[in-house]
Amino acid sequence: MAYGNEPTPFQRWAEAHGASKALDGFGMLLEQAAESFYLWRGIRPGTQALRIAMR
């Protein structure tokens, strides 16, 4: 996983070789953090607004 504003070389390679989508894993990181927060605190945070703000 790599998180950044630009596609990684691997993402570029995947798209050049027919991948319909190449994601950086940021969404998975955010959702895992939200799930952990829920397990620890009993509150499920909304992630959509956070996803937009962090991008």
N, C-alpha and C. Protein backbone atom coordinates (compact mmCIF):
# COMPACT_ATOMS: atom_id res chain seq x y z
N MET A 1 0.83 -1.17 0.00
CA MET A 1 0.00 0.00 0.00
C MET A 1 0.89 1.24 0.00
N ALA A 2 0.48 2.18 -0.77
CA ALA A 2 1.17 3.47 -0.82
C ALA A 2 0.10 4.54 -0.98
N TYR A 3 0.24 5.59 -0.22
CA TYR A 3 -0.78 6.63 -0.22
C TYR A 3 -0.15 7.92 -0.70
N GLY A 4 -0.69 8.47 -1.76
CA GLY A 4 -0.16 9.72 -2.27
C GLY A 4 -1.11 10.32 -3.28
N ASN A 5 -0.75 11.48 -3.76
CA ASN A 5 -1.59 12.18 -4.72
C ASN A 5 -1.42 11.66 -6.14
N GLU A 6 -0.29 11.05 -6.42
CA GLU A 6 -0.02 10.55 -7.76
C GLU A 6 -0.03 9.02 -7.77
N PRO A 7 -0.41 8.42 -8.89
CA PRO A 7 -0.37 6.95 -8.97
C PRO A 7 1.07 6.44 -8.84
N THR A 8 1.20 5.28 -8.23
CA THR A 8 2.51 4.65 -8.10
C THR A 8 2.89 4.02 -9.44
N PRO A 9 4.15 3.68 -9.61
CA PRO A 9 4.54 2.97 -10.84
C PRO A 9 3.74 1.68 -11.03
N PHE A 10 3.45 0.98 -9.95
CA PHE A 10 2.66 -0.25 -10.08
C PHE A 10 1.24 0.04 -10.55
N GLN A 11 0.63 1.09 -10.03
CA GLN A 11 -0.72 1.45 -10.48
C GLN A 11 -0.70 1.81 -11.96
N ARG A 12 0.29 2.56 -12.40
CA ARG A 12 0.41 2.90 -13.82
C ARG A 12 0.58 1.64 -14.67
N TRP A 13 1.42 0.73 -14.20
CA TRP A 13 1.66 -0.52 -14.92
C TRP A 13 0.35 -1.31 -15.03
N ALA A 14 -0.38 -1.42 -13.92
CA ALA A 14 -1.63 -2.18 -13.92
C ALA A 14 -2.63 -1.60 -14.91
N GLU A 15 -2.77 -0.28 -14.92
CA GLU A 15 -3.69 0.35 -15.86
C GLU A 15 -3.24 0.16 -17.30
N ALA A 16 -1.93 0.23 -17.53
CA ALA A 16 -1.40 0.02 -18.89
C ALA A 16 -1.61 -1.41 -19.37
N HIS A 17 -1.80 -2.33 -18.44
CA HIS A 17 -1.99 -3.74 -18.78
C HIS A 17 -3.43 -4.20 -18.60
N GLY A 18 -4.37 -3.24 -18.65
CA GLY A 18 -5.78 -3.59 -18.73
C GLY A 18 -6.58 -3.56 -17.44
N ALA A 19 -5.97 -3.18 -16.32
CA ALA A 19 -6.76 -3.10 -15.09
C ALA A 19 -7.79 -1.99 -15.23
N SER A 20 -9.02 -2.29 -14.88
CA SER A 20 -10.07 -1.27 -15.01
C SER A 20 -9.96 -0.22 -13.93
N LYS A 21 -9.31 -0.57 -12.80
CA LYS A 21 -9.17 0.35 -11.68
C LYS A 21 -7.90 -0.03 -10.92
N ALA A 22 -7.15 0.95 -10.50
CA ALA A 22 -5.96 0.71 -9.67
C ALA A 22 -6.04 1.66 -8.48
N LEU A 23 -6.31 1.11 -7.32
CA LEU A 23 -6.51 1.93 -6.12
C LEU A 23 -5.26 1.89 -5.24
N ASP A 24 -5.12 2.91 -4.41
CA ASP A 24 -3.93 3.01 -3.58
C ASP A 24 -4.07 2.40 -2.19
N GLY A 25 -5.24 1.96 -1.81
CA GLY A 25 -5.43 1.33 -0.51
C GLY A 25 -5.85 2.29 0.59
N PHE A 26 -5.96 3.58 0.28
CA PHE A 26 -6.34 4.56 1.28
C PHE A 26 -7.72 4.25 1.86
N GLY A 27 -8.66 3.86 1.04
CA GLY A 27 -10.00 3.53 1.52
C GLY A 27 -9.99 2.39 2.52
N MET A 28 -9.19 1.37 2.24
CA MET A 28 -9.09 0.24 3.16
C MET A 28 -8.47 0.69 4.48
N LEU A 29 -7.42 1.49 4.43
CA LEU A 29 -6.78 2.00 5.64
C LEU A 29 -7.79 2.78 6.49
N LEU A 30 -8.54 3.66 5.86
CA LEU A 30 -9.52 4.48 6.56
C LEU A 30 -10.61 3.63 7.19
N GLU A 31 -11.14 2.67 6.45
CA GLU A 31 -12.21 1.83 6.97
C GLU A 31 -11.73 0.91 8.09
N GLN A 32 -10.50 0.43 8.00
CA GLN A 32 -9.94 -0.39 9.09
C GLN A 32 -9.78 0.46 10.35
N ALA A 33 -9.33 1.69 10.19
CA ALA A 33 -9.19 2.59 11.34
C ALA A 33 -10.56 2.86 11.97
N ALA A 34 -11.57 3.07 11.15
CA ALA A 34 -12.92 3.32 11.67
C ALA A 34 -13.45 2.11 12.41
N GLU A 35 -13.19 0.92 11.89
CA GLU A 35 -13.65 -0.29 12.56
C GLU A 35 -12.93 -0.48 13.90
N SER A 36 -11.64 -0.20 13.93
CA SER A 36 -10.88 -0.28 15.19
C SER A 36 -11.43 0.72 16.20
N PHE A 37 -11.72 1.92 15.75
CA PHE A 37 -12.29 2.94 16.63
C PHE A 37 -13.60 2.44 17.23
N TYR A 38 -14.41 1.81 16.39
CA TYR A 38 -15.68 1.27 16.86
C TYR A 38 -15.46 0.19 17.93
N LEU A 39 -14.51 -0.70 17.70
CA LEU A 39 -14.25 -1.77 18.66
C LEU A 39 -13.73 -1.20 19.98
N TRP A 40 -12.90 -0.17 19.92
CA TRP A 40 -12.33 0.41 21.13
C TRP A 40 -13.32 1.30 21.88
N ARG A 41 -14.07 2.10 21.13
CA ARG A 41 -14.88 3.14 21.76
C ARG A 41 -16.39 2.90 21.69
N GLY A 42 -16.84 1.96 20.86
CA GLY A 42 -18.26 1.70 20.72
C GLY A 42 -18.99 2.73 19.87
N ILE A 43 -18.24 3.53 19.15
CA ILE A 43 -18.81 4.56 18.27
C ILE A 43 -18.30 4.30 16.87
N ARG A 44 -19.24 4.20 15.92
CA ARG A 44 -18.82 3.97 14.54
C ARG A 44 -18.72 5.33 13.83
N PRO A 45 -17.51 5.78 13.56
CA PRO A 45 -17.38 7.09 12.91
C PRO A 45 -17.78 7.04 11.44
N GLY A 46 -18.33 8.14 10.97
CA GLY A 46 -18.61 8.27 9.54
C GLY A 46 -17.29 8.47 8.80
N THR A 47 -17.14 7.82 7.69
CA THR A 47 -15.87 7.91 6.97
C THR A 47 -15.94 8.72 5.68
N GLN A 48 -17.11 8.95 5.17
CA GLN A 48 -17.21 9.64 3.87
C GLN A 48 -16.64 11.06 3.94
N ALA A 49 -17.06 11.83 4.94
CA ALA A 49 -16.56 13.21 5.06
C ALA A 49 -15.06 13.22 5.34
N LEU A 50 -14.60 12.28 6.15
CA LEU A 50 -13.18 12.18 6.45
C LEU A 50 -12.37 11.82 5.21
N ARG A 51 -12.91 10.91 4.41
CA ARG A 51 -12.24 10.52 3.16
C ARG A 51 -12.05 11.73 2.26
N ILE A 52 -13.07 12.54 2.13
CA ILE A 52 -13.00 13.74 1.28
C ILE A 52 -12.01 14.74 1.85
N ALA A 53 -12.07 14.95 3.17
CA ALA A 53 -11.18 15.92 3.80
C ALA A 53 -9.72 15.50 3.70
N MET A 54 -9.45 14.23 3.82
CA MET A 54 -8.06 13.75 3.81
C MET A 54 -7.48 13.69 2.40
N ARG A 55 -8.30 13.56 1.41
CA ARG A 55 -7.80 13.52 0.04
C ARG A 55 -7.44 14.93 -0.39
